[in-house]
Amino acid sequence: MPVLPRHIDETISHRLLPQTIGTEGQTVAIEGGQIVYKTPPEGNNLSRTEVSVTTASLADLAEETGTVALGKQAIVSIVSADKACRVRLYPTAAARTADSSRELGEAIEEGDEEPLLEDSLTASKLTNSSPAATVFNGDGSPSSDIYYAIQNRSGSTGTVEVTFTVLILEV
């Protein structure tokens, strides 16, 4: 095994690792100046999943609120929809309510509640994959439910289906 000087060991460990390598899903780490390849324990592998929400029929610019089971904590990497809409995710119902009157594009005032994720998907761009957002349930006793607000911005009445591609960190 190659041995690295201590200062390089610390730099690489803090800035570059872990990284997935190989076909077996191993990770590479540096321990005691040596490169070590590790295989995660069984059942510890995370994988992406898709979770969808379909609203009731909404008039143009009408909004629906509710919860979606994304996990107590998750990374949302992609948001897609079947029509133009505004999507917001919050840690609590209170945060969602406090932000409910803020219009699209309006700045969030200092001290105001803000969404964990906010996307405005248009007819020409029904998928957004940047940047990824970490979402979590902020209730006193956390559950897997994340609070949402979905606004129809399609120009006509109808349901809105939103799909979240997530990496669930805590069930």
N, C-alpha and C. Protein backbone atom coordinates (compact mmCIF):
# COMPACT_ATOMS: atom_id res chain seq x y z
N MET A 1 0.84 -1.19 0.00
CA MET A 1 0.00 0.00 0.00
C MET A 1 0.87 1.24 0.00
N PRO A 2 0.48 2.29 -0.77
CA PRO A 2 1.24 3.53 -0.75
C PRO A 2 1.09 4.24 0.59
N VAL A 3 2.14 4.91 1.02
CA VAL A 3 2.12 5.69 2.26
C VAL A 3 2.27 7.15 1.89
N LEU A 4 1.42 8.02 2.48
CA LEU A 4 1.43 9.45 2.19
C LEU A 4 1.95 10.22 3.38
N PRO A 5 2.65 11.35 3.13
CA PRO A 5 3.06 12.20 4.26
C PRO A 5 1.84 12.68 5.03
N ARG A 6 2.00 12.94 6.34
CA ARG A 6 0.90 13.32 7.22
C ARG A 6 0.11 14.52 6.71
N HIS A 7 0.77 15.58 6.22
CA HIS A 7 0.04 16.76 5.78
C HIS A 7 -0.84 16.46 4.57
N ILE A 8 -0.39 15.58 3.71
CA ILE A 8 -1.22 15.19 2.56
C ILE A 8 -2.37 14.32 3.04
N ASP A 9 -2.10 13.42 3.98
CA ASP A 9 -3.14 12.56 4.57
C ASP A 9 -4.29 13.42 5.10
N GLU A 10 -4.00 14.44 5.90
CA GLU A 10 -5.04 15.29 6.48
C GLU A 10 -5.78 16.07 5.41
N THR A 11 -5.07 16.61 4.42
CA THR A 11 -5.71 17.38 3.35
C THR A 11 -6.67 16.52 2.56
N ILE A 12 -6.21 15.36 2.15
CA ILE A 12 -7.06 14.48 1.35
C ILE A 12 -8.26 14.00 2.16
N SER A 13 -8.04 13.60 3.40
CA SER A 13 -9.13 13.10 4.23
C SER A 13 -10.22 14.14 4.43
N HIS A 14 -9.86 15.39 4.57
CA HIS A 14 -10.84 16.43 4.84
C HIS A 14 -11.47 17.02 3.58
N ARG A 15 -10.78 16.98 2.47
CA ARG A 15 -11.29 17.66 1.28
C ARG A 15 -11.79 16.74 0.18
N LEU A 16 -11.21 15.58 0.06
CA LEU A 16 -11.52 14.77 -1.10
C LEU A 16 -12.27 13.47 -0.81
N LEU A 17 -12.24 13.01 0.40
CA LEU A 17 -12.78 11.69 0.67
C LEU A 17 -14.05 11.77 1.49
N PRO A 18 -14.93 10.81 1.49
CA PRO A 18 -14.80 9.58 0.74
C PRO A 18 -15.28 9.73 -0.69
N GLN A 19 -14.76 8.91 -1.54
CA GLN A 19 -15.18 8.85 -2.94
C GLN A 19 -15.51 7.41 -3.26
N THR A 20 -16.54 7.20 -4.05
CA THR A 20 -16.89 5.83 -4.44
C THR A 20 -16.01 5.41 -5.60
N ILE A 21 -15.50 4.19 -5.53
CA ILE A 21 -14.66 3.66 -6.61
C ILE A 21 -15.04 2.22 -6.86
N GLY A 22 -14.55 1.70 -7.96
CA GLY A 22 -14.72 0.29 -8.27
C GLY A 22 -16.15 -0.09 -8.54
N THR A 23 -16.31 -1.34 -8.91
CA THR A 23 -17.64 -1.83 -9.25
C THR A 23 -18.37 -2.40 -8.05
N GLU A 24 -17.68 -2.60 -6.95
CA GLU A 24 -18.29 -3.19 -5.77
C GLU A 24 -18.82 -2.14 -4.81
N GLY A 25 -18.78 -0.84 -5.19
CA GLY A 25 -19.28 0.21 -4.32
C GLY A 25 -18.36 0.50 -3.16
N GLN A 26 -17.08 0.14 -3.30
CA GLN A 26 -16.14 0.42 -2.23
C GLN A 26 -15.89 1.92 -2.12
N THR A 27 -15.46 2.34 -0.94
CA THR A 27 -15.04 3.72 -0.76
C THR A 27 -13.56 3.71 -0.46
N VAL A 28 -12.92 4.83 -0.75
CA VAL A 28 -11.50 4.96 -0.47
C VAL A 28 -11.34 5.96 0.66
N ALA A 29 -10.47 5.64 1.60
CA ALA A 29 -10.21 6.51 2.73
C ALA A 29 -8.72 6.46 3.01
N ILE A 30 -8.26 7.39 3.81
CA ILE A 30 -6.85 7.38 4.22
C ILE A 30 -6.83 7.23 5.73
N GLU A 31 -6.16 6.19 6.17
CA GLU A 31 -6.02 5.92 7.59
C GLU A 31 -4.55 5.73 7.90
N GLY A 32 -4.02 6.55 8.80
CA GLY A 32 -2.61 6.43 9.18
C GLY A 32 -1.67 6.60 8.01
N GLY A 33 -2.03 7.45 7.06
CA GLY A 33 -1.17 7.71 5.92
C GLY A 33 -1.28 6.69 4.81
N GLN A 34 -2.14 5.69 4.94
CA GLN A 34 -2.28 4.67 3.91
C GLN A 34 -3.66 4.74 3.27
N ILE A 35 -3.71 4.47 1.98
CA ILE A 35 -4.98 4.42 1.25
C ILE A 35 -5.64 3.09 1.58
N VAL A 36 -6.88 3.15 2.04
CA VAL A 36 -7.62 1.96 2.45
C VAL A 36 -8.92 1.90 1.65
N TYR A 37 -9.21 0.73 1.09
CA TYR A 37 -10.47 0.53 0.37
C TYR A 37 -11.43 -0.20 1.29
N LYS A 38 -12.65 0.33 1.39
CA LYS A 38 -13.63 -0.26 2.31
C LYS A 38 -14.91 -0.60 1.58
N THR A 39 -15.54 -1.67 2.01
CA THR A 39 -16.86 -2.04 1.51
C THR A 39 -17.86 -1.76 2.61
N PRO A 40 -18.91 -0.96 2.31
CA PRO A 40 -19.90 -0.65 3.35
C PRO A 40 -20.60 -1.92 3.84
N PRO A 41 -21.04 -1.93 5.11
CA PRO A 41 -21.77 -3.09 5.62
C PRO A 41 -23.09 -3.29 4.87
N GLU A 42 -23.56 -4.52 4.84
CA GLU A 42 -24.84 -4.82 4.19
C GLU A 42 -25.95 -3.97 4.77
N GLY A 43 -26.88 -3.52 3.91
CA GLY A 43 -28.03 -2.76 4.36
C GLY A 43 -27.71 -1.30 4.64
N ASN A 44 -26.49 -0.89 4.41
CA ASN A 44 -26.08 0.48 4.68
C ASN A 44 -26.01 1.31 3.41
N ASN A 45 -26.30 0.72 2.27
CA ASN A 45 -26.19 1.43 1.00
C ASN A 45 -27.42 2.28 0.77
N LEU A 46 -27.20 3.53 0.42
CA LEU A 46 -28.30 4.43 0.11
C LEU A 46 -28.55 4.39 -1.39
N SER A 47 -29.78 4.57 -1.79
CA SER A 47 -30.08 4.63 -3.21
C SER A 47 -31.16 5.67 -3.45
N ARG A 48 -31.16 6.19 -4.65
CA ARG A 48 -32.16 7.19 -5.02
C ARG A 48 -33.51 6.52 -5.20
N THR A 49 -34.53 7.31 -4.93
CA THR A 49 -35.89 6.84 -5.15
C THR A 49 -36.71 8.02 -5.64
N GLU A 50 -37.80 7.73 -6.29
CA GLU A 50 -38.71 8.78 -6.75
C GLU A 50 -39.99 8.73 -5.94
N VAL A 51 -40.45 9.91 -5.51
CA VAL A 51 -41.69 10.03 -4.74
C VAL A 51 -42.53 11.09 -5.45
N SER A 52 -43.78 10.75 -5.74
CA SER A 52 -44.66 11.68 -6.46
C SER A 52 -45.82 12.16 -5.61
N VAL A 53 -46.25 13.37 -5.90
CA VAL A 53 -47.44 13.98 -5.28
C VAL A 53 -48.32 14.47 -6.42
N THR A 54 -49.61 14.15 -6.37
CA THR A 54 -50.55 14.69 -7.34
C THR A 54 -51.58 15.51 -6.57
N THR A 55 -51.72 16.76 -6.97
CA THR A 55 -52.67 17.65 -6.29
C THR A 55 -54.09 17.34 -6.74
N ALA A 56 -55.04 17.91 -6.04
CA ALA A 56 -56.42 17.93 -6.51
C ALA A 56 -56.44 18.86 -7.72
N SER A 57 -57.55 18.96 -8.41
CA SER A 57 -57.66 19.90 -9.53
C SER A 57 -57.55 21.32 -8.99
N LEU A 58 -56.59 22.08 -9.54
CA LEU A 58 -56.33 23.44 -9.09
C LEU A 58 -56.53 24.43 -10.23
N ALA A 59 -57.18 25.55 -9.94
CA ALA A 59 -57.27 26.64 -10.91
C ALA A 59 -55.87 27.22 -11.10
N ASP A 60 -55.66 27.91 -12.20
CA ASP A 60 -54.37 28.57 -12.42
C ASP A 60 -54.08 29.50 -11.25
N LEU A 61 -52.86 29.44 -10.72
CA LEU A 61 -52.35 30.22 -9.59
C LEU A 61 -52.90 29.79 -8.23
N ALA A 62 -53.75 28.75 -8.20
CA ALA A 62 -54.22 28.21 -6.92
C ALA A 62 -53.14 27.29 -6.36
N GLU A 63 -53.18 27.10 -5.04
CA GLU A 63 -52.14 26.35 -4.36
C GLU A 63 -52.73 25.27 -3.47
N GLU A 64 -52.02 24.15 -3.38
CA GLU A 64 -52.40 23.08 -2.46
C GLU A 64 -51.25 22.88 -1.48
N THR A 65 -51.59 22.64 -0.22
CA THR A 65 -50.57 22.32 0.78
C THR A 65 -50.84 20.93 1.34
N GLY A 66 -49.79 20.31 1.83
CA GLY A 66 -49.92 18.98 2.40
C GLY A 66 -48.55 18.47 2.83
N THR A 67 -48.44 17.15 2.95
CA THR A 67 -47.17 16.53 3.29
C THR A 67 -46.85 15.43 2.29
N VAL A 68 -45.56 15.18 2.15
CA VAL A 68 -45.08 14.10 1.29
C VAL A 68 -44.02 13.33 2.08
N ALA A 69 -44.08 12.01 2.03
CA ALA A 69 -43.16 11.15 2.79
C ALA A 69 -41.82 11.04 2.07
N LEU A 70 -40.89 11.93 2.43
CA LEU A 70 -39.55 11.91 1.85
C LEU A 70 -38.50 11.43 2.85
N GLY A 71 -38.90 11.15 4.08
CA GLY A 71 -37.96 10.74 5.12
C GLY A 71 -37.76 11.87 6.10
N LYS A 72 -37.27 11.52 7.29
CA LYS A 72 -37.00 12.55 8.31
C LYS A 72 -35.96 13.53 7.80
N GLN A 73 -35.03 13.04 6.97
CA GLN A 73 -34.03 13.88 6.34
C GLN A 73 -33.69 13.25 5.00
N ALA A 74 -33.57 14.09 3.96
CA ALA A 74 -33.29 13.58 2.62
C ALA A 74 -32.61 14.65 1.78
N ILE A 75 -31.97 14.21 0.71
CA ILE A 75 -31.42 15.12 -0.28
C ILE A 75 -32.30 15.02 -1.52
N VAL A 76 -32.88 16.13 -1.93
CA VAL A 76 -33.69 16.18 -3.14
C VAL A 76 -32.78 16.63 -4.27
N SER A 77 -32.56 15.75 -5.25
CA SER A 77 -31.64 16.08 -6.34
C SER A 77 -32.36 16.53 -7.60
N ILE A 78 -33.58 16.07 -7.82
CA ILE A 78 -34.34 16.45 -9.01
C ILE A 78 -35.79 16.69 -8.64
N VAL A 79 -36.36 17.75 -9.18
CA VAL A 79 -37.79 18.03 -9.05
C VAL A 79 -38.33 18.12 -10.47
N SER A 80 -39.36 17.35 -10.77
CA SER A 80 -39.97 17.43 -12.10
C SER A 80 -41.49 17.48 -11.94
N ALA A 81 -42.15 18.00 -12.95
CA ALA A 81 -43.61 18.13 -12.89
C ALA A 81 -44.19 17.92 -14.28
N ASP A 82 -45.49 17.65 -14.31
CA ASP A 82 -46.15 17.44 -15.59
C ASP A 82 -46.67 18.73 -16.20
N LYS A 83 -46.59 19.84 -15.45
CA LYS A 83 -46.98 21.15 -15.99
C LYS A 83 -46.31 22.24 -15.18
N ALA A 84 -46.36 23.45 -15.67
CA ALA A 84 -45.72 24.58 -14.99
C ALA A 84 -46.29 24.75 -13.59
N CYS A 85 -45.40 24.92 -12.61
CA CYS A 85 -45.83 25.05 -11.22
C CYS A 85 -44.71 25.64 -10.36
N ARG A 86 -45.09 26.02 -9.16
CA ARG A 86 -44.14 26.46 -8.13
C ARG A 86 -44.19 25.43 -7.02
N VAL A 87 -43.04 24.94 -6.60
CA VAL A 87 -42.96 23.89 -5.58
C VAL A 87 -42.09 24.41 -4.43
N ARG A 88 -42.61 24.30 -3.21
CA ARG A 88 -41.85 24.68 -2.02
C ARG A 88 -41.96 23.58 -0.97
N LEU A 89 -40.83 23.29 -0.30
CA LEU A 89 -40.80 22.31 0.78
C LEU A 89 -40.33 23.00 2.06
N TYR A 90 -40.94 22.61 3.19
CA TYR A 90 -40.69 23.26 4.48
C TYR A 90 -40.46 22.22 5.57
N PRO A 91 -39.76 22.60 6.66
CA PRO A 91 -39.54 21.67 7.76
C PRO A 91 -40.76 21.50 8.68
N THR A 92 -41.62 22.52 8.73
CA THR A 92 -42.79 22.47 9.62
C THR A 92 -44.00 23.11 8.93
N ALA A 93 -45.18 22.78 9.44
CA ALA A 93 -46.40 23.41 8.93
C ALA A 93 -46.38 24.91 9.25
N ALA A 94 -45.84 25.26 10.41
CA ALA A 94 -45.77 26.68 10.81
C ALA A 94 -44.89 27.48 9.85
N ALA A 95 -43.77 26.91 9.41
CA ALA A 95 -42.89 27.60 8.46
C ALA A 95 -43.61 27.80 7.13
N ARG A 96 -44.36 26.78 6.70
CA ARG A 96 -45.11 26.88 5.44
C ARG A 96 -46.17 27.97 5.55
N THR A 97 -46.89 28.01 6.65
CA THR A 97 -47.93 29.02 6.85
C THR A 97 -47.33 30.41 6.89
N ALA A 98 -46.21 30.57 7.59
CA ALA A 98 -45.57 31.89 7.71
C ALA A 98 -45.09 32.42 6.36
N ASP A 99 -44.77 31.52 5.43
CA ASP A 99 -44.26 31.92 4.11
C ASP A 99 -45.34 31.94 3.03
N SER A 100 -46.57 31.62 3.39
CA SER A 100 -47.63 31.39 2.39
C SER A 100 -47.99 32.62 1.56
N SER A 101 -47.82 33.82 2.10
CA SER A 101 -48.23 35.01 1.34
C SER A 101 -47.11 35.58 0.46
N ARG A 102 -45.91 35.01 0.54
CA ARG A 102 -44.79 35.51 -0.26
C ARG A 102 -44.99 35.12 -1.72
N GLU A 103 -44.95 36.11 -2.58
CA GLU A 103 -45.13 35.87 -4.01
C GLU A 103 -43.84 35.32 -4.64
N LEU A 104 -43.99 34.67 -5.77
CA LEU A 104 -42.86 34.15 -6.52
C LEU A 104 -41.92 35.31 -6.87
N GLY A 105 -40.65 35.15 -6.56
CA GLY A 105 -39.66 36.18 -6.86
C GLY A 105 -39.49 37.22 -5.77
N GLU A 106 -40.39 37.23 -4.79
CA GLU A 106 -40.29 38.19 -3.69
C GLU A 106 -39.19 37.75 -2.73
N ALA A 107 -38.37 38.69 -2.31
CA ALA A 107 -37.27 38.38 -1.40
C ALA A 107 -37.80 37.95 -0.04
N ILE A 108 -37.03 37.09 0.60
CA ILE A 108 -37.36 36.66 1.95
C ILE A 108 -36.71 37.65 2.90
N GLU A 109 -37.52 38.23 3.76
CA GLU A 109 -37.02 39.21 4.72
C GLU A 109 -36.22 38.51 5.82
N GLU A 110 -35.22 39.20 6.35
CA GLU A 110 -34.42 38.66 7.43
C GLU A 110 -35.33 38.29 8.61
N GLY A 111 -35.14 37.11 9.13
CA GLY A 111 -35.94 36.64 10.25
C GLY A 111 -37.21 35.90 9.84
N ASP A 112 -37.59 35.98 8.55
CA ASP A 112 -38.78 35.27 8.07
C ASP A 112 -38.45 33.80 7.83
N GLU A 113 -39.50 32.98 7.89
CA GLU A 113 -39.35 31.57 7.56
C GLU A 113 -39.06 31.46 6.07
N GLU A 114 -38.18 30.52 5.72
CA GLU A 114 -37.92 30.31 4.30
C GLU A 114 -38.02 28.84 3.98
N PRO A 115 -38.36 28.53 2.73
CA PRO A 115 -38.48 27.13 2.35
C PRO A 115 -37.11 26.45 2.30
N LEU A 116 -37.12 25.14 2.50
CA LEU A 116 -35.90 24.35 2.34
C LEU A 116 -35.58 24.18 0.87
N LEU A 117 -36.62 24.19 0.04
CA LEU A 117 -36.48 24.06 -1.40
C LEU A 117 -37.57 24.90 -2.03
N GLU A 118 -37.23 25.62 -3.08
CA GLU A 118 -38.23 26.35 -3.86
C GLU A 118 -37.83 26.28 -5.32
N ASP A 119 -38.73 25.76 -6.14
CA ASP A 119 -38.50 25.65 -7.58
C ASP A 119 -39.71 26.20 -8.32
N SER A 120 -39.43 26.92 -9.38
CA SER A 120 -40.48 27.37 -10.28
C SER A 120 -40.23 26.68 -11.61
N LEU A 121 -41.08 25.72 -11.93
CA LEU A 121 -40.93 24.96 -13.16
C LEU A 121 -41.84 25.55 -14.22
N THR A 122 -41.28 25.81 -15.39
CA THR A 122 -42.05 26.42 -16.47
C THR A 122 -42.37 25.40 -17.54
N ALA A 123 -43.22 25.77 -18.48
CA ALA A 123 -43.61 24.85 -19.56
C ALA A 123 -42.39 24.40 -20.35
N SER A 124 -41.39 25.26 -20.48
CA SER A 124 -40.20 24.89 -21.25
C SER A 124 -39.15 24.18 -20.39
N LYS A 125 -39.32 24.21 -19.09
CA LYS A 125 -38.37 23.55 -18.18
C LYS A 125 -39.14 22.90 -17.04
N LEU A 126 -39.59 21.66 -17.28
CA LEU A 126 -40.40 20.95 -16.31
C LEU A 126 -39.57 20.10 -15.35
N THR A 127 -38.24 20.18 -15.45
CA THR A 127 -37.35 19.46 -14.55
C THR A 127 -36.26 20.40 -14.08
N ASN A 128 -35.96 20.34 -12.79
CA ASN A 128 -34.85 21.12 -12.25
C ASN A 128 -33.98 20.18 -11.43
N SER A 129 -32.68 20.20 -11.70
CA SER A 129 -31.78 19.30 -10.98
C SER A 129 -30.63 20.04 -10.30
N SER A 130 -30.75 21.35 -10.20
CA SER A 130 -29.65 22.08 -9.58
C SER A 130 -30.19 23.28 -8.83
N PRO A 131 -29.72 23.56 -7.67
CA PRO A 131 -28.85 22.71 -6.86
C PRO A 131 -29.67 21.71 -6.06
N ALA A 132 -29.02 20.66 -5.60
CA ALA A 132 -29.69 19.70 -4.72
C ALA A 132 -29.97 20.39 -3.39
N ALA A 133 -31.02 19.95 -2.71
CA ALA A 133 -31.38 20.57 -1.43
C ALA A 133 -31.56 19.50 -0.36
N THR A 134 -31.05 19.78 0.82
CA THR A 134 -31.29 18.90 1.96
C THR A 134 -32.58 19.35 2.63
N VAL A 135 -33.51 18.43 2.79
CA VAL A 135 -34.79 18.73 3.43
C VAL A 135 -34.90 17.86 4.68
N PHE A 136 -35.68 18.32 5.65
CA PHE A 136 -35.84 17.57 6.89
C PHE A 136 -37.15 17.96 7.54
N ASN A 137 -37.63 17.07 8.41
CA ASN A 137 -38.81 17.37 9.20
C ASN A 137 -38.34 18.01 10.49
N GLY A 138 -38.83 19.22 10.77
CA GLY A 138 -38.40 19.97 11.94
C GLY A 138 -39.39 19.95 13.09
N ASP A 139 -40.34 19.05 13.06
CA ASP A 139 -41.30 18.94 14.17
C ASP A 139 -40.59 18.46 15.43
N GLY A 140 -41.19 18.69 16.59
CA GLY A 140 -40.63 18.27 17.87
C GLY A 140 -40.33 16.78 17.91
N SER A 141 -41.23 15.98 17.37
CA SER A 141 -41.01 14.54 17.18
C SER A 141 -40.99 14.30 15.68
N PRO A 142 -39.81 14.30 15.06
CA PRO A 142 -39.73 14.22 13.61
C PRO A 142 -40.40 12.98 13.02
N SER A 143 -41.07 13.19 11.91
CA SER A 143 -41.66 12.09 11.15
C SER A 143 -41.05 12.13 9.76
N SER A 144 -41.47 11.23 8.90
CA SER A 144 -40.94 11.20 7.53
C SER A 144 -41.66 12.18 6.62
N ASP A 145 -42.62 12.93 7.16
CA ASP A 145 -43.39 13.86 6.34
C ASP A 145 -42.69 15.21 6.21
N ILE A 146 -42.56 15.66 4.97
CA ILE A 146 -42.04 16.98 4.65
C ILE A 146 -43.22 17.80 4.15
N TYR A 147 -43.33 19.03 4.61
CA TYR A 147 -44.47 19.89 4.27
C TYR A 147 -44.25 20.56 2.91
N TYR A 148 -45.29 20.54 2.07
CA TYR A 148 -45.16 21.15 0.74
C TYR A 148 -46.25 22.18 0.49
N ALA A 149 -45.96 23.03 -0.51
CA ALA A 149 -46.93 23.92 -1.12
C ALA A 149 -46.67 23.83 -2.61
N ILE A 150 -47.70 23.48 -3.38
CA ILE A 150 -47.58 23.37 -4.83
C ILE A 150 -48.60 24.31 -5.45
N GLN A 151 -48.13 25.20 -6.31
CA GLN A 151 -48.99 26.18 -6.97
C GLN A 151 -49.04 25.86 -8.47
N ASN A 152 -50.26 25.74 -9.01
CA ASN A 152 -50.45 25.54 -10.44
C ASN A 152 -50.14 26.85 -11.16
N ARG A 153 -49.21 26.83 -12.10
CA ARG A 153 -48.87 28.02 -12.89
C ARG A 153 -48.93 27.70 -14.38
N SER A 154 -49.82 26.78 -14.74
CA SER A 154 -49.89 26.29 -16.12
C SER A 154 -50.75 27.15 -17.04
N GLY A 155 -51.58 28.02 -16.45
CA GLY A 155 -52.48 28.82 -17.27
C GLY A 155 -53.86 28.20 -17.42
N SER A 156 -54.05 26.99 -16.87
CA SER A 156 -55.36 26.34 -16.95
C SER A 156 -55.60 25.53 -15.68
N THR A 157 -56.85 25.08 -15.51
CA THR A 157 -57.23 24.29 -14.34
C THR A 157 -56.84 22.84 -14.57
N GLY A 158 -56.35 22.19 -13.52
CA GLY A 158 -56.02 20.77 -13.61
C GLY A 158 -55.18 20.33 -12.43
N THR A 159 -54.92 19.02 -12.38
CA THR A 159 -54.05 18.49 -11.34
C THR A 159 -52.60 18.79 -11.71
N VAL A 160 -51.75 18.77 -10.70
CA VAL A 160 -50.31 18.93 -10.93
C VAL A 160 -49.62 17.74 -10.30
N GLU A 161 -48.83 17.02 -11.09
CA GLU A 161 -48.06 15.91 -10.54
C GLU A 161 -46.60 16.34 -10.44
N VAL A 162 -46.06 16.28 -9.23
CA VAL A 162 -44.67 16.64 -8.97
C VAL A 162 -43.94 15.39 -8.50
N THR A 163 -42.78 15.13 -9.09
CA THR A 163 -41.96 13.98 -8.71
C THR A 163 -40.63 14.48 -8.16
N PHE A 164 -40.28 13.96 -6.97
CA PHE A 164 -39.03 14.29 -6.32
C PHE A 164 -38.10 13.09 -6.43
N THR A 165 -36.90 13.30 -6.90
CA THR A 165 -35.87 12.25 -6.87
C THR A 165 -35.05 12.53 -5.62
N VAL A 166 -35.06 11.57 -4.70
CA VAL A 166 -34.46 11.81 -3.38
C VAL A 166 -33.51 10.69 -2.97
N LEU A 167 -32.58 11.07 -2.12
CA LEU A 167 -31.72 10.13 -1.43
C LEU A 167 -32.12 10.27 0.04
N ILE A 168 -32.82 9.26 0.55
CA ILE A 168 -33.34 9.34 1.92
C ILE A 168 -32.19 9.03 2.89
N LEU A 169 -31.89 10.00 3.77
CA LEU A 169 -30.80 9.86 4.71
C LEU A 169 -31.25 9.27 6.04
N GLU A 170 -32.50 9.58 6.43
CA GLU A 170 -33.06 9.08 7.68
C GLU A 170 -34.52 8.76 7.46
N VAL A 171 -34.91 7.52 7.71
CA VAL A 171 -36.27 7.06 7.45
C VAL A 171 -37.20 7.54 8.55
